[in-house]
């Protein structure tokens, strides 16, 4: 059984820990207020540029900008594969012979069957925290990233890890590539640098798709892990397509530009004069759109981290209070037992002297 000094030492240790958790809770609450202010000031710009891009995308061809779907490039690649058919393979096809996809023939290999999915190069941005003590914040994000990797076993997934917790976890995973960028308080310069890097990777064909996993801030108690596709920037459906999908009982996919709904196609853009043209305005807006999406995900993740840490430290402080009460009760019981034992010994000694 623990002695009084041991219990007293434990009570002191828990009280010291409680002081730390209370201080961390107060610091996280202050940082959370600043992060919420940043999100509130950013959302109007992010929503407006989303509406503008959605409106302008309905005025131009989807293949007019390389940041949209790479349909034109896919068609060129498909044509190149078809052109690589060997003469022997063509002769065998004309003669009614069967050539399996990938089978060796004279002059090379038979072309792969159409419709076979190619190996994609996916760049996955994972936003985690640099520090711990924030409950299940990092665990839920890492679990979602692990699920994404498991869902794409045949694709080349390159991890872009922002935050030390995610980097430390995936350093031990074989077959994963990573780039690290420590994050303190997110700023627009950081988002701009990340956006420029992923855009360059996409345009230089080092990545066919860019996604980001971050924690969406809903409240100090609720943070929801989110997987969002950044590139290619799929334009939202026009109003007629969305209404048809809704009437059919399905949900229209909004892609990287958000959920289907008010895309602004029928907005005041009809009354605007676009100079020099809708295409050039859209070309200048798309890079800013990608930057603001990255910036918003950084702000959401930062606010979620502070909210999770504040909640976790508040819970830890309450648990410390309960532990102190229990230890104090045990301390009093042991002390009372020691006093009772000493009194019994004194009484027994007095009785023995009679």
Protein backbone atom coordinates (compact mmCIF):
# COMPACT_ATOMS: atom_id res chain seq x y z
CA UNK A 1 0.00 0.00 0.00
CA UNK A 2 1.27 3.50 -0.87
CA UNK A 3 2.57 5.58 1.98
CA UNK A 4 1.37 9.07 2.84
CA UNK A 5 4.48 10.64 1.33
CA UNK A 6 3.97 8.75 -1.94
CA UNK A 7 0.34 9.84 -2.20
CA UNK A 8 1.24 13.41 -1.32
CA UNK A 9 3.93 13.38 -4.01
CA UNK A 10 1.42 12.12 -6.58
CA UNK A 11 -1.07 14.84 -5.64
CA UNK A 12 1.62 17.48 -6.13
CA UNK A 13 2.60 16.00 -9.49
CA UNK A 14 -1.01 15.99 -10.72
CA UNK A 15 -1.49 19.59 -9.57
CA UNK A 16 1.60 20.67 -11.52
CA UNK A 17 0.30 18.87 -14.60
CA UNK A 18 -3.09 20.53 -14.16
CA UNK A 19 -1.44 23.95 -14.16
CA UNK A 20 0.20 23.11 -17.49
CA UNK A 21 -3.02 21.84 -19.07
CA UNK A 22 -4.94 24.91 -17.91
CA UNK A 23 -2.27 27.20 -19.35
CA UNK A 24 -2.30 25.30 -22.66
CA UNK A 25 -6.09 25.55 -22.74
CA UNK A 26 -5.94 29.32 -22.31
CA UNK A 27 -3.27 29.69 -24.99
CA UNK A 28 -5.22 27.49 -27.41
CA UNK A 29 -8.39 29.49 -26.74
CA UNK A 30 -6.59 32.73 -27.62
CA UNK A 31 -5.10 31.21 -30.78
CA UNK A 32 -8.48 29.76 -31.71
CA UNK A 33 -10.09 33.20 -31.57
CA UNK A 34 -7.44 34.58 -33.93
CA UNK A 35 -7.80 31.60 -36.25
CA UNK A 36 -11.58 32.02 -36.34
CA UNK A 37 -11.16 35.69 -37.22
CA UNK A 38 -8.83 34.71 -40.08
CA UNK A 39 -11.36 32.20 -41.40
CA UNK A 40 -14.25 34.68 -41.18
CA UNK A 41 -12.26 37.31 -43.08
CA UNK A 42 -11.14 34.80 -45.75
CA UNK A 43 -14.45 33.08 -46.51
CA UNK A 44 -16.11 36.00 -48.41
CA UNK A 45 -13.17 36.25 -50.81
CA UNK A 46 -12.96 32.48 -51.23
CA UNK A 47 -16.70 32.19 -51.88
CA UNK A 48 -16.71 35.08 -54.33
CA UNK A 49 -13.77 33.84 -56.37
CA UNK A 50 -15.39 30.40 -56.42
CA UNK A 51 -18.57 31.96 -57.82
CA UNK A 52 -16.62 33.93 -60.42
CA UNK A 53 -14.65 30.91 -61.59
CA UNK A 54 -17.84 28.87 -61.76
CA UNK A 55 -19.56 31.59 -63.79
CA UNK A 56 -16.67 32.12 -66.19
CA UNK A 57 -16.10 28.39 -66.68
CA UNK A 58 -19.58 28.19 -68.18
CA UNK A 59 -18.59 30.74 -70.81
CA UNK A 60 -15.49 28.98 -72.12
CA UNK A 61 -14.51 25.51 -73.28
CA UNK A 62 -13.49 23.04 -70.54
CA UNK A 63 -10.26 22.37 -72.46
CA UNK A 64 -9.38 26.04 -72.73
CA UNK A 65 -7.14 26.02 -69.65
CA UNK A 66 -4.60 23.31 -68.72
CA UNK A 67 -5.69 23.50 -65.07
CA UNK A 68 -9.07 22.04 -66.03
CA UNK A 69 -9.58 18.39 -66.93
CA UNK A 70 -6.81 17.02 -69.13
CA UNK A 71 -9.24 15.59 -71.63
CA UNK A 72 -7.36 16.90 -74.66
CA UNK A 73 -4.10 15.52 -73.37
CA UNK A 74 -5.70 12.16 -72.63
CA UNK A 75 -6.98 11.99 -76.20
CA UNK A 76 -3.49 12.69 -77.53
CA UNK A 77 -2.01 9.97 -75.31
CA UNK A 78 -4.66 7.49 -76.43
CA UNK A 79 -3.94 8.31 -80.06
CA UNK A 80 -0.23 7.78 -79.50
CA UNK A 81 -0.81 4.35 -77.97
CA UNK A 82 -3.02 3.35 -80.89
CA UNK A 83 -0.38 4.57 -83.36
CA UNK A 84 2.20 2.33 -81.74
CA UNK A 85 0.47 -0.81 -82.92
CA UNK A 86 2.91 -3.00 -84.77
CA UNK A 87 2.25 -4.04 -88.34
CA UNK A 88 2.23 -7.67 -87.24
CA UNK A 89 -0.51 -6.97 -84.71
CA UNK A 90 -2.60 -5.19 -87.32
CA UNK A 91 -2.19 -8.09 -89.76
CA UNK A 92 -3.22 -10.59 -87.10
CA UNK A 93 -6.27 -8.51 -86.25
CA UNK A 94 -7.22 -8.31 -89.93
CA UNK A 95 -6.78 -12.08 -90.27
CA UNK A 96 -9.04 -12.65 -87.28
CA UNK A 97 -6.25 -13.63 -84.94
CA UNK A 98 -6.48 -12.78 -81.28
CA UNK A 99 -3.66 -10.83 -79.71
CA UNK A 100 -3.79 -10.39 -75.96
CA UNK A 101 -3.01 -7.01 -74.49
CA UNK A 102 0.68 -6.81 -73.62
CA UNK A 103 1.49 -10.00 -75.61
CA UNK A 104 4.85 -9.95 -77.37
CA UNK A 105 4.58 -9.69 -81.15
CA UNK A 106 7.02 -8.93 -83.89
CA UNK A 107 8.23 -5.36 -83.61
CA UNK A 108 7.01 -4.78 -80.04
CA UNK A 109 3.99 -5.51 -77.88
CA UNK A 110 0.32 -5.56 -78.59
CA UNK A 111 -1.46 -2.42 -77.42
CA UNK A 112 -3.30 -2.47 -74.13
CA UNK A 113 -7.03 -2.95 -74.30
CA UNK A 114 -9.06 0.21 -74.34
CA UNK A 115 -10.74 1.06 -71.06
CA UNK A 116 -7.89 -0.32 -68.93
CA UNK A 117 -7.10 2.23 -66.25
CA UNK A 118 -3.64 3.71 -66.46
CA UNK A 119 -1.38 4.20 -63.49
CA UNK A 120 -2.00 7.70 -62.20
CA UNK A 121 0.45 10.00 -60.48
CA UNK A 122 -1.35 11.50 -57.51
CA UNK A 123 0.04 14.16 -55.21
CA UNK A 124 -1.62 14.05 -51.80
CA UNK A 125 -1.22 17.02 -49.46
CA UNK A 126 -1.68 16.07 -45.80
CA UNK A 127 -2.10 18.86 -43.25
CA UNK A 128 -1.25 17.83 -39.69
CA UNK A 129 0.07 19.68 -36.65
CA UNK A 130 3.62 20.16 -35.49
CA UNK A 131 2.75 19.39 -31.86
CA UNK A 132 0.62 16.83 -30.12
CA UNK A 133 -1.73 17.03 -27.13
CA UNK A 134 -4.69 17.73 -29.41
CA UNK A 135 -6.75 14.58 -28.96
CA UNK A 136 -7.55 12.59 -32.07
CA UNK A 137 -6.89 15.49 -34.46
CA UNK A 138 -3.81 13.99 -36.13
CA UNK A 139 -5.00 10.40 -35.79
CA UNK A 140 -8.14 10.98 -37.84
CA UNK A 141 -6.20 12.77 -40.60
CA UNK A 142 -3.52 10.09 -40.78
CA UNK A 143 -6.20 7.39 -40.83
CA UNK A 144 -7.86 9.09 -43.81
CA UNK A 145 -4.51 9.33 -45.61
CA UNK A 146 -3.85 5.64 -44.94
CA UNK A 147 -7.27 4.82 -46.36
CA UNK A 148 -6.52 6.89 -49.46
CA UNK A 149 -3.27 4.99 -50.00
CA UNK A 150 -5.05 1.67 -49.54
CA UNK A 151 -7.70 2.72 -52.08
CA UNK A 152 -5.02 3.53 -54.70
CA UNK A 153 -2.61 0.57 -54.55
CA UNK A 154 -1.88 0.69 -58.29
CA UNK A 155 -1.28 4.45 -58.45
CA UNK A 156 1.91 6.35 -57.74
CA UNK A 157 0.93 8.46 -54.73
CA UNK A 158 3.41 11.10 -53.61
CA UNK A 159 2.79 12.57 -50.17
CA UNK A 160 3.27 16.27 -49.53
CA UNK A 161 3.40 16.36 -45.73
CA UNK A 162 2.78 19.68 -44.00
CA UNK A 163 3.25 19.31 -40.27
CA UNK A 164 5.71 17.22 -38.26
CA UNK A 165 3.19 14.68 -36.96
CA UNK A 166 2.26 13.43 -40.41
CA UNK A 167 5.87 13.51 -41.56
CA UNK A 168 7.03 11.47 -38.55
CA UNK A 169 4.32 8.88 -39.15
CA UNK A 170 4.88 8.35 -42.86
CA UNK A 171 8.67 8.35 -42.58
CA UNK A 172 8.33 4.82 -41.26
CA UNK A 173 6.11 3.71 -44.13
CA UNK A 174 7.86 1.97 -47.01
CA UNK A 175 7.03 3.03 -50.53
CA UNK A 176 5.87 6.53 -49.58
CA UNK A 177 7.55 9.70 -50.74
CA UNK A 178 7.23 12.89 -48.79
CA UNK A 179 8.15 16.53 -48.66
CA UNK A 180 7.99 18.40 -45.40
CA UNK A 181 7.12 22.00 -44.64
CA UNK A 182 6.76 22.93 -40.99
CA UNK A 183 3.78 25.17 -40.32
CA UNK A 184 3.45 27.64 -37.46
CA UNK A 185 0.76 30.25 -38.14
CA UNK A 186 -0.43 29.94 -41.76
CA UNK A 187 -0.04 32.97 -43.99
CA UNK A 188 -0.90 33.65 -47.60
CA UNK A 189 2.75 33.56 -48.67
CA UNK A 190 2.95 29.93 -47.56
CA UNK A 191 -0.25 29.05 -49.42
CA UNK A 192 1.03 30.82 -52.53
CA UNK A 193 4.30 28.86 -52.44
CA UNK A 194 2.47 25.54 -52.03
CA UNK A 195 0.02 26.41 -54.81
CA UNK A 196 2.86 27.36 -57.17
CA UNK A 197 4.65 24.08 -56.47
CA UNK A 198 1.66 21.80 -56.98
CA UNK A 199 0.61 23.74 -60.10
CA UNK A 200 4.09 23.29 -61.54
CA UNK A 201 4.00 19.57 -60.75
CA UNK A 202 0.61 19.30 -62.47
CA UNK A 203 1.57 21.25 -65.58
CA UNK A 204 4.90 19.43 -65.90
CA UNK A 205 3.10 16.04 -65.74
CA UNK A 206 4.73 15.07 -62.47
CA UNK A 207 1.20 14.75 -61.08
CA UNK A 208 -2.04 13.86 -62.83
CA UNK A 209 -4.13 14.77 -59.80
CA UNK A 210 -3.60 16.82 -56.65
CA UNK A 211 -5.70 16.27 -53.52
CA UNK A 212 -5.55 17.69 -50.01
CA UNK A 213 -6.59 16.16 -46.70
CA UNK A 214 -7.29 18.64 -43.93
CA UNK A 215 -9.56 19.08 -40.94
CA UNK A 216 -12.56 21.32 -41.57
CA UNK A 217 -13.37 23.54 -38.60
CA UNK A 218 -17.01 23.39 -37.55
CA UNK A 219 -16.76 24.29 -33.88
CA UNK A 220 -14.34 24.00 -30.99
CA UNK A 221 -15.84 20.58 -30.28
CA UNK A 222 -16.22 19.33 -33.86
CA UNK A 223 -13.57 19.00 -36.56
CA UNK A 224 -14.28 16.93 -39.66
CA UNK A 225 -11.49 15.38 -41.82
CA UNK A 226 -12.02 16.34 -45.46
CA UNK A 227 -10.55 15.04 -48.72
CA UNK A 228 -10.70 17.66 -51.47
CA UNK A 229 -9.44 17.54 -55.03
CA UNK A 230 -7.52 20.66 -56.02
CA UNK A 231 -6.31 19.75 -59.50
CA UNK A 232 -7.59 19.27 -62.10
CA UNK A 233 -10.00 22.11 -61.37
CA UNK A 234 -13.23 20.57 -62.61
CA UNK A 235 -15.81 23.27 -63.39
CA UNK A 236 -19.09 22.94 -61.49
CA UNK A 237 -22.15 21.79 -63.46
CA UNK A 238 -24.28 24.43 -65.07
CA UNK A 239 -27.71 25.05 -63.61
CA UNK A 240 -29.57 22.89 -66.13
CA UNK A 241 -27.32 19.87 -65.50
CA UNK A 242 -27.66 20.26 -61.74
CA UNK A 243 -31.45 20.42 -62.01
CA UNK A 244 -31.54 17.33 -64.23
CA UNK A 245 -29.35 15.41 -61.78
CA UNK A 246 -31.49 16.50 -58.86
CA UNK A 247 -34.67 15.50 -60.69
CA UNK A 248 -33.14 12.09 -61.39
CA UNK A 249 -32.48 11.63 -57.69
CA UNK A 250 -28.70 11.87 -58.00
CA UNK A 251 -26.21 14.35 -56.74
CA UNK A 252 -24.22 16.42 -59.21
CA UNK A 253 -20.51 16.25 -58.62
CA UNK A 254 -18.94 19.62 -57.98
CA UNK A 255 -15.31 18.53 -58.19
CA UNK A 256 -12.64 20.86 -56.90
CA UNK A 257 -14.87 23.93 -57.08
CA UNK A 258 -17.23 22.76 -54.33
CA UNK A 259 -20.67 21.23 -54.12
CA UNK A 260 -23.35 21.64 -56.76
CA UNK A 261 -25.73 24.43 -56.13
CA UNK A 262 -25.41 28.16 -56.61
CA UNK A 263 -22.55 28.31 -59.09
CA UNK A 264 -23.35 31.83 -60.13
CA UNK A 265 -23.82 30.92 -63.80
CA UNK A 266 -27.11 32.78 -63.84
CA UNK A 267 -25.75 35.61 -61.68
CA UNK A 268 -24.93 39.18 -62.59
CA UNK A 269 -22.16 38.06 -64.95
CA UNK A 270 -24.58 38.52 -67.85
CA UNK A 271 -24.66 42.22 -67.05
CA UNK A 272 -20.87 42.54 -66.84
CA UNK A 273 -18.54 43.55 -69.64
CA UNK A 274 -15.47 41.33 -69.52
CA UNK A 275 -12.26 42.86 -70.80
CA UNK A 276 -10.27 41.69 -72.60
CA UNK A 277 -12.25 38.41 -72.66
CA UNK A 278 -13.85 35.83 -70.39
CA UNK A 279 -11.03 33.39 -71.20
CA UNK A 280 -8.28 35.79 -70.11
CA UNK A 281 -10.13 36.77 -66.96
CA UNK A 282 -10.57 33.10 -66.09
CA UNK A 283 -6.90 32.37 -66.79
CA UNK A 284 -5.89 35.06 -64.31
CA UNK A 285 -8.41 33.91 -61.69
CA UNK A 286 -7.60 30.19 -61.68
CA UNK A 287 -4.15 30.49 -60.03
CA UNK A 288 -5.66 32.75 -57.36
CA UNK A 289 -8.47 30.26 -56.89
CA UNK A 290 -6.00 27.44 -56.24
CA UNK A 291 -4.05 29.66 -53.83
CA UNK A 292 -7.14 30.58 -51.84
CA UNK A 293 -8.22 26.94 -51.66
CA UNK A 294 -4.85 26.01 -50.17
CA UNK A 295 -4.92 29.03 -47.86
CA UNK A 296 -8.41 28.21 -46.67
CA UNK A 297 -7.47 24.59 -45.95
CA UNK A 298 -4.45 25.82 -43.94
CA UNK A 299 -6.64 28.16 -41.91
CA UNK A 300 -9.30 25.50 -41.36
CA UNK A 301 -6.67 23.01 -40.25
CA UNK A 302 -5.04 25.53 -37.90
CA UNK A 303 -8.36 26.46 -36.27
CA UNK A 304 -9.27 22.78 -35.95
CA UNK A 305 -5.95 22.06 -34.27
CA UNK A 306 -6.41 24.83 -31.70
CA UNK A 307 -10.01 23.81 -31.09
CA UNK A 308 -9.04 20.17 -30.61
CA UNK A 309 -6.18 21.12 -28.28
CA UNK A 310 -8.38 23.45 -26.23
CA UNK A 311 -11.01 20.74 -25.84
CA UNK A 312 -8.40 18.11 -25.04
CA UNK A 313 -6.68 20.29 -22.43
CA UNK A 314 -10.03 21.19 -20.87
CA UNK A 315 -10.83 17.50 -20.56
CA UNK A 316 -7.36 16.83 -19.14
CA UNK A 317 -7.82 19.60 -16.55
CA UNK A 318 -11.15 18.14 -15.44
CA UNK A 319 -9.64 14.66 -15.24
CA UNK A 320 -6.80 16.08 -13.16
CA UNK A 321 -9.32 17.62 -10.74
CA UNK A 322 -11.08 14.26 -10.40
CA UNK A 323 -7.76 12.52 -9.87
CA UNK A 324 -6.76 15.04 -7.20
CA UNK A 325 -10.07 14.50 -5.40
CA UNK A 326 -9.63 10.72 -5.50
CA UNK A 327 -6.02 10.91 -4.33
CA UNK A 328 -7.00 13.32 -1.54
CA UNK A 329 -9.68 10.88 -0.41
CA UNK A 330 -7.17 8.02 -0.45
CA UNK A 331 -4.67 10.21 1.41
CA UNK A 332 -7.22 10.99 4.13
CA UNK A 333 -8.18 7.32 4.44
CA UNK A 334 -4.57 6.21 4.79
CA UNK A 335 -3.89 9.01 7.26
CA UNK A 336 -6.98 8.10 9.27
CA UNK A 337 -5.98 4.43 9.22
CA UNK A 338 -2.51 5.35 10.48
CA UNK A 339 -4.00 7.48 13.28
CA UNK A 340 -6.44 4.71 14.23
CA UNK A 341 -3.62 2.16 14.25
CA UNK A 342 -1.50 4.39 16.47
CA UNK A 343 -4.40 4.95 18.89
CA UNK A 344 -5.04 1.21 19.04
CA UNK A 345 -1.40 0.61 19.88
CA UNK A 346 -1.51 3.23 22.64
CA UNK A 347 -4.72 1.79 24.07
CA UNK A 348 -3.34 -1.75 23.88
CA UNK A 349 -0.18 -0.66 25.68
CA UNK A 350 -2.18 1.09 28.40
CA UNK A 351 -4.34 -1.98 28.89
CA UNK A 352 -1.25 -4.15 29.15
CA UNK A 353 0.13 -2.00 31.98
CA UNK A 354 -2.97 -2.51 34.12
